[in-house]
Amino acid sequence: MNIYIGNLNTAITDNDLNDLFSVYGQVQSATIAIDGFTDQSRGFGYVNMPNEQEGLTAIEALDAREIQGLAVTVRVAENKEGHKGSYKVGNPAVKGYQFRKN
């Protein structure tokens, strides 16, 4: 089960996220989203828990809980299949656009 965690304090690390969720069961992976330009946390992350019941228990226990000064949002992550890296700028969709770091 893939779980989205939003409104995270930017000081939280992958290991912190892993420790937070491992109380509720086995954590397969825990990742904080990092901004490609600044190398800083984007304030959200994902945790993958192989056991769905453990994941649901973690979501129920952690949603709206204050962690390092911020009330976090915890929910089942949306399926990204429809997003595949394209977005609309006017019309039609721009596909495969990449930002380049100088």
PDB file of N, CA and C in Angstrom:
ATOM      1  N   MET A   1       0.846  -1.171   0.000  1.00  0.00           N
ATOM      2  CA  MET A   1       0.000   0.000   0.000  1.00  0.00           C
ATOM      3  C   MET A   1       0.892   1.234   0.000  1.00  0.00           C
ATOM      4  N   ASN A   2       0.652   2.128  -0.949  1.00  0.00           N
ATOM      5  CA  ASN A   2       1.422   3.358  -1.053  1.00  0.00           C
ATOM      6  C   ASN A   2       0.665   4.471  -0.328  1.00  0.00           C
ATOM      7  N   ILE A   3       1.354   5.157   0.570  1.00  0.00           N
ATOM      8  CA  ILE A   3       0.734   6.164   1.431  1.00  0.00           C
ATOM      9  C   ILE A   3       1.387   7.518   1.188  1.00  0.00           C
ATOM     10  N   TYR A   4       0.554   8.548   1.026  1.00  0.00           N
ATOM     11  CA  TYR A   4       1.014   9.927   0.853  1.00  0.00           C
ATOM     12  C   TYR A   4       1.015  10.619   2.213  1.00  0.00           C
ATOM     13  N   ILE A   5       2.083  11.381   2.500  1.00  0.00           N
ATOM     14  CA  ILE A   5       2.168  12.165   3.722  1.00  0.00           C
ATOM     15  C   ILE A   5       2.473  13.598   3.324  1.00  0.00           C
ATOM     16  N   GLY A   6       1.572  14.512   3.627  1.00  0.00           N
ATOM     17  CA  GLY A   6       1.733  15.911   3.239  1.00  0.00           C
ATOM     18  C   GLY A   6       1.876  16.829   4.436  1.00  0.00           C
ATOM     19  N   ASN A   7       2.326  18.048   4.174  1.00  0.00           N
ATOM     20  CA  ASN A   7       2.551  19.097   5.168  1.00  0.00           C
ATOM     21  C   ASN A   7       3.623  18.692   6.175  1.00  0.00           C
ATOM     22  N   LEU A   8       4.677  18.046   5.671  1.00  0.00           N
ATOM     23  CA  LEU A   8       5.783  17.640   6.532  1.00  0.00           C
ATOM     24  C   LEU A   8       6.732  18.805   6.776  1.00  0.00           C
ATOM     25  N   ASN A   9       7.273  18.858   7.964  1.00  0.00           N
ATOM     26  CA  ASN A   9       8.341  19.799   8.272  1.00  0.00           C
ATOM     27  C   ASN A   9       9.514  19.470   7.355  1.00  0.00           C
ATOM     28  N   THR A  10      10.153  20.479   6.798  1.00  0.00           N
ATOM     29  CA  THR A  10      11.230  20.238   5.833  1.00  0.00           C
ATOM     30  C   THR A  10      12.468  19.614   6.469  1.00  0.00           C
ATOM     31  N   ALA A  11      12.529  19.550   7.789  1.00  0.00           N
ATOM     32  CA  ALA A  11      13.668  18.923   8.466  1.00  0.00           C
ATOM     33  C   ALA A  11      13.526  17.403   8.553  1.00  0.00           C
ATOM     34  N   ILE A  12      12.344  16.866   8.277  1.00  0.00           N
ATOM     35  CA  ILE A  12      12.112  15.421   8.373  1.00  0.00           C
ATOM     36  C   ILE A  12      12.840  14.697   7.244  1.00  0.00           C
ATOM     37  N   THR A  13      13.484  13.589   7.588  1.00  0.00           N
ATOM     38  CA  THR A  13      14.258  12.799   6.628  1.00  0.00           C
ATOM     39  C   THR A  13      13.532  11.497   6.293  1.00  0.00           C
ATOM     40  N   ASP A  14      14.075  10.779   5.304  1.00  0.00           N
ATOM     41  CA  ASP A  14      13.545   9.459   4.953  1.00  0.00           C
ATOM     42  C   ASP A  14      13.549   8.541   6.176  1.00  0.00           C
ATOM     43  N   ASN A  15      14.641   8.566   6.945  1.00  0.00           N
ATOM     44  CA  ASN A  15      14.746   7.708   8.130  1.00  0.00           C
ATOM     45  C   ASN A  15      13.709   8.071   9.184  1.00  0.00           C
ATOM     46  N   ASP A  16      13.452   9.375   9.365  1.00  0.00           N
ATOM     47  CA  ASP A  16      12.416   9.802  10.312  1.00  0.00           C
ATOM     48  C   ASP A  16      11.056   9.245   9.903  1.00  0.00           C
ATOM     49  N   LEU A  17      10.763   9.326   8.611  1.00  0.00           N
ATOM     50  CA  LEU A  17       9.491   8.830   8.085  1.00  0.00           C
ATOM     51  C   LEU A  17       9.385   7.314   8.285  1.00  0.00           C
ATOM     52  N   ASN A  18      10.472   6.618   8.016  1.00  0.00           N
ATOM     53  CA  ASN A  18      10.517   5.169   8.215  1.00  0.00           C
ATOM     54  C   ASN A  18      10.244   4.829   9.680  1.00  0.00           C
ATOM     55  N   ASP A  19      10.916   5.531  10.594  1.00  0.00           N
ATOM     56  CA  ASP A  19      10.734   5.277  12.026  1.00  0.00           C
ATOM     57  C   ASP A  19       9.298   5.559  12.467  1.00  0.00           C
ATOM     58  N   LEU A  20       8.709   6.619  11.945  1.00  0.00           N
ATOM     59  CA  LEU A  20       7.347   7.007  12.297  1.00  0.00           C
ATOM     60  C   LEU A  20       6.335   5.922  11.916  1.00  0.00           C
ATOM     61  N   PHE A  21       6.496   5.348  10.723  1.00  0.00           N
ATOM     62  CA  PHE A  21       5.531   4.362  10.229  1.00  0.00           C
ATOM     63  C   PHE A  21       5.841   2.937  10.683  1.00  0.00           C
ATOM     64  N   SER A  22       7.085   2.630  11.004  1.00  0.00           N
ATOM     65  CA  SER A  22       7.442   1.257  11.377  1.00  0.00           C
ATOM     66  C   SER A  22       6.793   0.833  12.691  1.00  0.00           C
ATOM     67  N   VAL A  23       6.327   1.788  13.481  1.00  0.00           N
ATOM     68  CA  VAL A  23       5.585   1.469  14.704  1.00  0.00           C
ATOM     69  C   VAL A  23       4.306   0.697  14.362  1.00  0.00           C
ATOM     70  N   TYR A  24       3.763   0.924  13.171  1.00  0.00           N
ATOM     71  CA  TYR A  24       2.483   0.329  12.772  1.00  0.00           C
ATOM     72  C   TYR A  24       2.640  -0.915  11.902  1.00  0.00           C
ATOM     73  N   GLY A  25       3.870  -1.260  11.527  1.00  0.00           N
ATOM     74  CA  GLY A  25       4.095  -2.453  10.719  1.00  0.00           C
ATOM     75  C   GLY A  25       5.327  -2.318   9.845  1.00  0.00           C
ATOM     76  N   GLN A  26       5.488  -3.284   8.958  1.00  0.00           N
ATOM     77  CA  GLN A  26       6.659  -3.316   8.079  1.00  0.00           C
ATOM     78  C   GLN A  26       6.595  -2.195   7.045  1.00  0.00           C
ATOM     79  N   VAL A  27       7.706  -1.479   6.911  1.00  0.00           N
ATOM     80  CA  VAL A  27       7.824  -0.413   5.919  1.00  0.00           C
ATOM     81  C   VAL A  27       8.771  -0.892   4.829  1.00  0.00           C
ATOM     82  N   GLN A  28       8.273  -0.936   3.606  1.00  0.00           N
ATOM     83  CA  GLN A  28       9.097  -1.355   2.475  1.00  0.00           C
ATOM     84  C   GLN A  28       9.994  -0.214   2.007  1.00  0.00           C
ATOM     85  N   SER A  29       9.451   1.012   1.975  1.00  0.00           N
ATOM     86  CA  SER A  29      10.241   2.185   1.598  1.00  0.00           C
ATOM     87  C   SER A  29       9.594   3.434   2.177  1.00  0.00           C
ATOM     88  N   ALA A  30      10.428   4.438   2.415  1.00  0.00           N
ATOM     89  CA  ALA A  30       9.960   5.739   2.904  1.00  0.00           C
ATOM     90  C   ALA A  30      10.806   6.793   2.214  1.00  0.00           C
ATOM     91  N   THR A  31      10.149   7.702   1.489  1.00  0.00           N
ATOM     92  CA  THR A  31      10.871   8.671   0.676  1.00  0.00           C
ATOM     93  C   THR A  31      10.262  10.058   0.818  1.00  0.00           C
ATOM     94  N   ILE A  32      11.116  11.038   1.071  1.00  0.00           N
ATOM     95  CA  ILE A  32      10.717  12.446   1.089  1.00  0.00           C
ATOM     96  C   ILE A  32      10.958  13.000  -0.309  1.00  0.00           C
ATOM     97  N   ALA A  33      10.001  13.753  -0.855  1.00  0.00           N
ATOM     98  CA  ALA A  33      10.172  14.389  -2.169  1.00  0.00           C
ATOM     99  C   ALA A  33      11.159  15.548  -2.025  1.00  0.00           C
ATOM    100  N   ILE A  34      12.148  15.578  -2.907  1.00  0.00           N
ATOM    101  CA  ILE A  34      13.199  16.595  -2.870  1.00  0.00           C
ATOM    102  C   ILE A  34      13.103  17.472  -4.108  1.00  0.00           C
ATOM    103  N   ASP A  35      13.196  18.780  -3.913  1.00  0.00           N
ATOM    104  CA  ASP A  35      13.196  19.733  -5.021  1.00  0.00           C
ATOM    105  C   ASP A  35      14.495  19.583  -5.800  1.00  0.00           C
ATOM    106  N   GLY A  36      14.391  19.415  -7.106  1.00  0.00           N
ATOM    107  CA  GLY A  36      15.554  19.197  -7.959  1.00  0.00           C
ATOM    108  C   GLY A  36      16.472  20.396  -8.085  1.00  0.00           C
ATOM    109  N   PHE A  37      15.965  21.577  -7.823  1.00  0.00           N
ATOM    110  CA  PHE A  37      16.784  22.782  -7.946  1.00  0.00           C
ATOM    111  C   PHE A  37      17.485  23.138  -6.644  1.00  0.00           C
ATOM    112  N   THR A  38      16.788  22.992  -5.526  1.00  0.00           N
ATOM    113  CA  THR A  38      17.340  23.423  -4.237  1.00  0.00           C
ATOM    114  C   THR A  38      17.874  22.273  -3.391  1.00  0.00           C
ATOM    115  N   ASP A  39      17.561  21.037  -3.769  1.00  0.00           N
ATOM    116  CA  ASP A  39      17.903  19.847  -2.982  1.00  0.00           C
ATOM    117  C   ASP A  39      17.307  19.890  -1.575  1.00  0.00           C
ATOM    118  N   GLN A  40      16.208  20.623  -1.401  1.00  0.00           N
ATOM    119  CA  GLN A  40      15.501  20.717  -0.129  1.00  0.00           C
ATOM    120  C   GLN A  40      14.203  19.907  -0.212  1.00  0.00           C
ATOM    121  N   SER A  41      13.699  19.528   0.950  1.00  0.00           N
ATOM    122  CA  SER A  41      12.426  18.810   1.011  1.00  0.00           C
ATOM    123  C   SER A  41      11.306  19.657   0.430  1.00  0.00           C
ATOM    124  N   ARG A  42      10.393  18.999  -0.283  1.00  0.00           N
ATOM    125  CA  ARG A  42       9.216  19.690  -0.819  1.00  0.00           C
ATOM    126  C   ARG A  42       8.041  19.638   0.160  1.00  0.00           C
ATOM    127  N   GLY A  43       8.241  19.047   1.335  1.00  0.00           N
ATOM    128  CA  GLY A  43       7.206  19.037   2.364  1.00  0.00           C
ATOM    129  C   GLY A  43       6.212  17.897   2.266  1.00  0.00           C
ATOM    130  N   PHE A  44       6.521  16.902   1.438  1.00  0.00           N
ATOM    131  CA  PHE A  44       5.660  15.716   1.377  1.00  0.00           C
ATOM    132  C   PHE A  44       6.513  14.506   1.052  1.00  0.00           C
ATOM    133  N   GLY A  45       5.927  13.332   1.249  1.00  0.00           N
ATOM    134  CA  GLY A  45       6.655  12.102   0.971  1.00  0.00           C
ATOM    135  C   GLY A  45       5.702  10.935   0.801  1.00  0.00           C
ATOM    136  N   TYR A  46       6.297   9.772   0.574  1.00  0.00           N
ATOM    137  CA  TYR A  46       5.527   8.547   0.365  1.00  0.00           C
ATOM    138  C   TYR A  46       6.132   7.420   1.186  1.00  0.00           C
ATOM    139  N   VAL A  47       5.263   6.592   1.720  1.00  0.00           N
ATOM    140  CA  VAL A  47       5.677   5.393   2.443  1.00  0.00           C
ATOM    141  C   VAL A  47       4.967   4.217   1.798  1.00  0.00           C
ATOM    142  N   ASN A  48       5.707   3.142   1.563  1.00  0.00           N
ATOM    143  CA  ASN A  48       5.109   1.929   1.023  1.00  0.00           C
ATOM    144  C   ASN A  48       5.120   0.872   2.113  1.00  0.00           C
ATOM    145  N   MET A  49       3.926   0.381   2.445  1.00  0.00           N
ATOM    146  CA  MET A  49       3.783  -0.684   3.434  1.00  0.00           C
ATOM    147  C   MET A  49       3.142  -1.883   2.735  1.00  0.00           C
ATOM    148  N   PRO A  50       3.811  -3.047   2.741  1.00  0.00           N
ATOM    149  CA  PRO A  50       3.293  -4.202   2.005  1.00  0.00           C
ATOM    150  C   PRO A  50       1.979  -4.760   2.550  1.00  0.00           C
ATOM    151  N   ASN A  51       1.724  -4.591   3.845  1.00  0.00           N
ATOM    152  CA  ASN A  51       0.494  -5.103   4.441  1.00  0.00           C
ATOM    153  C   ASN A  51      -0.552  -3.986   4.469  1.00  0.00           C
ATOM    154  N   GLU A  52      -1.652  -4.182   3.743  1.00  0.00           N
ATOM    155  CA  GLU A  52      -2.680  -3.141   3.622  1.00  0.00           C
ATOM    156  C   GLU A  52      -3.309  -2.776   4.962  1.00  0.00           C
ATOM    157  N   GLN A  53      -3.569  -3.763   5.813  1.00  0.00           N
ATOM    158  CA  GLN A  53      -4.194  -3.478   7.111  1.00  0.00           C
ATOM    159  C   GLN A  53      -3.271  -2.627   7.980  1.00  0.00           C
ATOM    160  N   GLU A  54      -1.972  -2.929   7.965  1.00  0.00           N
ATOM    161  CA  GLU A  54      -1.017  -2.112   8.722  1.00  0.00           C
ATOM    162  C   GLU A  54      -0.977  -0.690   8.179  1.00  0.00           C
ATOM    163  N   GLY A  55      -1.049  -0.556   6.860  1.00  0.00           N
ATOM    164  CA  GLY A  55      -1.068   0.763   6.238  1.00  0.00           C
ATOM    165  C   GLY A  55      -2.290   1.568   6.645  1.00  0.00           C
ATOM    166  N   LEU A  56      -3.458   0.929   6.641  1.00  0.00           N
ATOM    167  CA  LEU A  56      -4.691   1.612   7.039  1.00  0.00           C
ATOM    168  C   LEU A  56      -4.649   2.027   8.508  1.00  0.00           C
ATOM    169  N   THR A  57      -4.058   1.178   9.346  1.00  0.00           N
ATOM    170  CA  THR A  57      -3.907   1.514  10.764  1.00  0.00           C
ATOM    171  C   THR A  57      -3.006   2.734  10.926  1.00  0.00           C
ATOM    172  N   ALA A  58      -1.907   2.779  10.172  1.00  0.00           N
ATOM    173  CA  ALA A  58      -0.986   3.922  10.229  1.00  0.00           C
ATOM    174  C   ALA A  58      -1.670   5.202   9.761  1.00  0.00           C
ATOM    175  N   ILE A  59      -2.441   5.110   8.682  1.00  0.00           N
ATOM    176  CA  ILE A  59      -3.160   6.283   8.168  1.00  0.00           C
ATOM    177  C   ILE A  59      -4.117   6.819   9.228  1.00  0.00           C
ATOM    178  N   GLU A  60      -4.885   5.921   9.834  1.00  0.00           N
ATOM    179  CA  GLU A  60      -5.856   6.336  10.848  1.00  0.00           C
ATOM    180  C   GLU A  60      -5.164   6.978  12.052  1.00  0.00           C
ATOM    181  N   ALA A  61      -4.028   6.418  12.452  1.00  0.00           N
ATOM    182  CA  ALA A  61      -3.327   6.918  13.636  1.00  0.00           C
ATOM    183  C   ALA A  61      -2.597   8.239  13.384  1.00  0.00           C
ATOM    184  N   LEU A  62      -2.093   8.443  12.167  1.00  0.00           N
ATOM    185  CA  LEU A  62      -1.219   9.591  11.915  1.00  0.00           C
ATOM    186  C   LEU A  62      -1.886  10.771  11.215  1.00  0.00           C
ATOM    187  N   ASP A  63      -3.014  10.565  10.555  1.00  0.00           N
ATOM    188  CA  ASP A  63      -3.657  11.673   9.842  1.00  0.00           C
ATOM    189  C   ASP A  63      -4.061  12.770  10.824  1.00  0.00           C
ATOM    190  N   ALA A  64      -3.701  14.008  10.504  1.00  0.00           N
ATOM    191  CA  ALA A  64      -3.991  15.212  11.299  1.00  0.00           C
ATOM    192  C   ALA A  64      -3.176  15.289  12.591  1.00  0.00           C
ATOM    193  N   ARG A  65      -2.239  14.379  12.777  1.00  0.00           N
ATOM    194  CA  ARG A  65      -1.378  14.406  13.960  1.00  0.00           C
ATOM    195  C   ARG A  65      -0.292  15.459  13.775  1.00  0.00           C
ATOM    196  N   GLU A  66       0.079  16.134  14.850  1.00  0.00           N
ATOM    197  CA  GLU A  66       1.142  17.126  14.782  1.00  0.00           C
ATOM    198  C   GLU A  66       2.494  16.428  14.883  1.00  0.00           C
ATOM    199  N   ILE A  67       3.331  16.653  13.871  1.00  0.00           N
ATOM    200  CA  ILE A  67       4.670  16.068  13.832  1.00  0.00           C
ATOM    201  C   ILE A  67       5.654  17.195  13.561  1.00  0.00           C
ATOM    202  N   GLN A  68       6.558  17.399  14.490  1.00  0.00           N
ATOM    203  CA  GLN A  68       7.543  18.486  14.428  1.00  0.00           C
ATOM    204  C   GLN A  68       6.879  19.830  14.126  1.00  0.00           C
ATOM    205  N   GLY A  69       5.779  20.097  14.832  1.00  0.00           N
ATOM    206  CA  GLY A  69       5.134  21.399  14.753  1.00  0.00           C
ATOM    207  C   GLY A  69       4.098  21.584  13.663  1.00  0.00           C
ATOM    208  N   LEU A  70       3.888  20.585  12.812  1.00  0.00           N
ATOM    209  CA  LEU A  70       2.918  20.715  11.726  1.00  0.00           C
ATOM    210  C   LEU A  70       1.925  19.553  11.743  1.00  0.00           C
ATOM    211  N   ALA A  71       0.647  19.858  11.521  1.00  0.00           N
ATOM    212  CA  ALA A  71      -0.381  18.818  11.413  1.00  0.00           C
ATOM    213  C   ALA A  71      -0.287  18.210  10.019  1.00  0.00           C
ATOM    214  N   VAL A  72       0.069  16.935   9.944  1.00  0.00           N
ATOM    215  CA  VAL A  72       0.299  16.285   8.653  1.00  0.00           C
ATOM    216  C   VAL A  72      -0.990  15.694   8.087  1.00  0.00           C
ATOM    217  N   THR A  73      -1.000  15.539   6.771  1.00  0.00           N
ATOM    218  CA  THR A  73      -2.078  14.861   6.058  1.00  0.00           C
ATOM    219  C   THR A  73      -1.554  13.496   5.647  1.00  0.00           C
ATOM    220  N   VAL A  74      -2.261  12.447   6.014  1.00  0.00           N
ATOM    221  CA  VAL A  74      -1.845  11.086   5.666  1.00  0.00           C
ATOM    222  C   VAL A  74      -3.031  10.396   5.002  1.00  0.00           C
ATOM    223  N   ARG A  75      -2.813   9.879   3.791  1.00  0.00           N
ATOM    224  CA  ARG A  75      -3.900   9.207   3.062  1.00  0.00           C
ATOM    225  C   ARG A  75      -3.306   8.217   2.064  1.00  0.00           C
ATOM    226  N   VAL A  76      -4.169   7.376   1.540  1.00  0.00           N
ATOM    227  CA  VAL A  76      -3.742   6.448   0.490  1.00  0.00           C
ATOM    228  C   VAL A  76      -3.314   7.290  -0.708  1.00  0.00           C
ATOM    229  N   ALA A  77      -2.144   6.996  -1.266  1.00  0.00           N
ATOM    230  CA  ALA A  77      -1.626   7.759  -2.403  1.00  0.00           C
ATOM    231  C   ALA A  77      -2.463   7.489  -3.640  1.00  0.00           C
ATOM    232  N   GLU A  78      -2.676   8.539  -4.426  1.00  0.00           N
ATOM    233  CA  GLU A  78      -3.416   8.401  -5.679  1.00  0.00           C
ATOM    234  C   GLU A  78      -2.561   7.678  -6.704  1.00  0.00           C
ATOM    235  N   ASN A  79      -3.228   6.938  -7.568  1.00  0.00           N
ATOM    236  CA  ASN A  79      -2.547   6.266  -8.665  1.00  0.00           C
ATOM    237  C   ASN A  79      -2.102   7.317  -9.673  1.00  0.00           C
ATOM    238  N   LYS A  80      -0.835   7.305 -10.065  1.00  0.00           N
ATOM    239  CA  LYS A  80      -0.296   8.328 -10.956  1.00  0.00           C
ATOM    240  C   LYS A  80      -0.372   7.957 -12.431  1.00  0.00           C
ATOM    241  N   GLU A  81      -1.032   6.894 -12.800  1.00  0.00           N
ATOM    242  CA  GLU A  81      -1.016   6.442 -14.188  1.00  0.00           C
ATOM    243  C   GLU A  81      -1.507   7.484 -15.168  1.00  0.00           C
ATOM    244  N   GLY A  82      -2.442   8.316 -14.785  1.00  0.00           N
ATOM    245  CA  GLY A  82      -2.960   9.329 -15.686  1.00  0.00           C
ATOM    246  C   GLY A  82      -2.071  10.547 -15.804  1.00  0.00           C
ATOM    247  N   HIS A  83      -1.004  10.620 -15.001  1.00  0.00           N
ATOM    248  CA  HIS A  83      -0.187  11.826 -14.947  1.00  0.00           C
ATOM    249  C   HIS A  83       1.085  11.753 -15.782  1.00  0.00           C
ATOM    250  N   LYS A  84       1.709  10.686 -15.926  1.00  0.00           N
ATOM    251  CA  LYS A  84       2.858  10.376 -16.788  1.00  0.00           C
ATOM    252  C   LYS A  84       3.704  11.574 -17.243  1.00  0.00           C
ATOM    253  N   GLY A  85       3.857  12.595 -16.448  1.00  0.00           N
ATOM    254  CA  GLY A  85       4.776  13.684 -16.758  1.00  0.00           C
ATOM    255  C   GLY A  85       4.276  14.692 -17.763  1.00  0.00           C
ATOM    256  N   SER A  86       3.003  14.729 -18.034  1.00  0.00           N
ATOM    257  CA  SER A  86       2.497  15.739 -18.954  1.00  0.00           C
ATOM    258  C   SER A  86       1.580  16.684 -18.194  1.00  0.00           C
ATOM    259  N   TYR A  87       1.474  17.880 -18.690  1.00  0.00           N
ATOM    260  CA  TYR A  87       0.572  18.846 -18.099  1.00  0.00           C
ATOM    261  C   TYR A  87       0.110  19.797 -19.183  1.00  0.00           C
ATOM    262  N   LYS A  88      -0.977  20.487 -18.914  1.00  0.00           N
ATOM    263  CA  LYS A  88      -1.521  21.386 -19.932  1.00  0.00           C
ATOM    264  C   LYS A  88      -0.999  22.799 -19.732  1.00  0.00           C
ATOM    265  N   VAL A  89      -0.582  23.388 -20.822  1.00  0.00           N
ATOM    266  CA  VAL A  89      -0.254  24.805 -20.873  1.00  0.00           C
ATOM    267  C   VAL A  89      -1.102  25.328 -22.009  1.00  0.00           C
ATOM    268  N   GLY A  90      -2.207  25.918 -21.671  1.00  0.00           N
ATOM    269  CA  GLY A  90      -3.148  26.283 -22.725  1.00  0.00           C
ATOM    270  C   GLY A  90      -3.718  25.010 -23.310  1.00  0.00           C
ATOM    271  N   ASN A  91      -3.549  24.845 -24.608  1.00  0.00           N
ATOM    272  CA  ASN A  91      -4.050  23.653 -25.268  1.00  0.00           C
ATOM    273  C   ASN A  91      -3.171  23.380 -26.467  1.00  0.00           C
ATOM    274  N   PRO A  92      -2.693  22.270 -26.742  1.00  0.00           N
ATOM    275  CA  PRO A  92      -2.823  20.943 -26.144  1.00  0.00           C
ATOM    276  C   PRO A  92      -1.791  20.700 -25.033  1.00  0.00           C
ATOM    277  N   ALA A  93      -1.765  19.449 -24.532  1.00  0.00           N
ATOM    278  CA  ALA A  93      -0.843  19.086 -23.459  1.00  0.00           C
ATOM    279  C   ALA A  93       0.593  19.113 -23.953  1.00  0.00           C
ATOM    280  N   VAL A  94       1.474  19.555 -23.069  1.00  0.00           N
ATOM    281  CA  VAL A  94       2.910  19.535 -23.347  1.00  0.00           C
ATOM    282  C   VAL A  94       3.440  18.265 -22.705  1.00  0.00           C
ATOM    283  N   LYS A  95       4.087  17.416 -23.482  1.00  0.00           N
ATOM    284  CA  LYS A  95       4.570  16.147 -22.945  1.00  0.00           C
ATOM    285  C   LYS A  95       6.089  16.113 -22.931  1.00  0.00           C
ATOM    286  N   GLY A  96       6.621  15.502 -21.896  1.00  0.00           N
ATOM    287  CA  GLY A  96       8.051  15.279 -21.823  1.00  0.00           C
ATOM    288  C   GLY A  96       8.878  16.517 -21.544  1.00  0.00           C
ATOM    289  N   TYR A  97       8.282  17.588 -21.079  1.00  0.00           N
ATOM    290  CA  TYR A  97       9.025  18.807 -20.777  1.00  0.00           C
ATOM    291  C   TYR A  97       9.880  18.578 -19.546  1.00  0.00           C
ATOM    292  N   GLN A  98      11.129  18.966 -19.608  1.00  0.00           N
ATOM    293  CA  GLN A  98      12.019  18.796 -18.472  1.00  0.00           C
ATOM    294  C   GLN A  98      12.696  20.113 -18.150  1.00  0.00           C
ATOM    295  N   PHE A  99      12.870  20.374 -16.862  1.00  0.00           N
ATOM    296  CA  PHE A  99      13.633  21.534 -16.441  1.00  0.00           C
ATOM    297  C   PHE A  99      15.099  21.142 -16.383  1.00  0.00           C
ATOM    298  N   ARG A 100      15.946  22.032 -16.764  1.00  0.00           N
ATOM    299  CA  ARG A 100      17.373  21.753 -16.732  1.00  0.00           C
ATOM    300  C   ARG A 100      18.007  22.586 -15.636  1.00  0.00           C
ATOM    301  N   LYS A 101      18.840  21.960 -14.844  1.00  0.00           N
ATOM    302  CA  LYS A 101      19.562  22.641 -13.787  1.00  0.00           C
ATOM    303  C   LYS A 101      20.809  23.265 -14.396  1.00  0.00           C
ATOM    304  N   ASN A 102      21.042  24.542 -14.172  1.00  0.00           N
ATOM    305  CA  ASN A 102      22.242  25.208 -14.717  1.00  0.00           C
ATOM    306  C   ASN A 102      23.459  24.925 -13.897  1.00  0.00           C
TER     307      ASN A 102
END
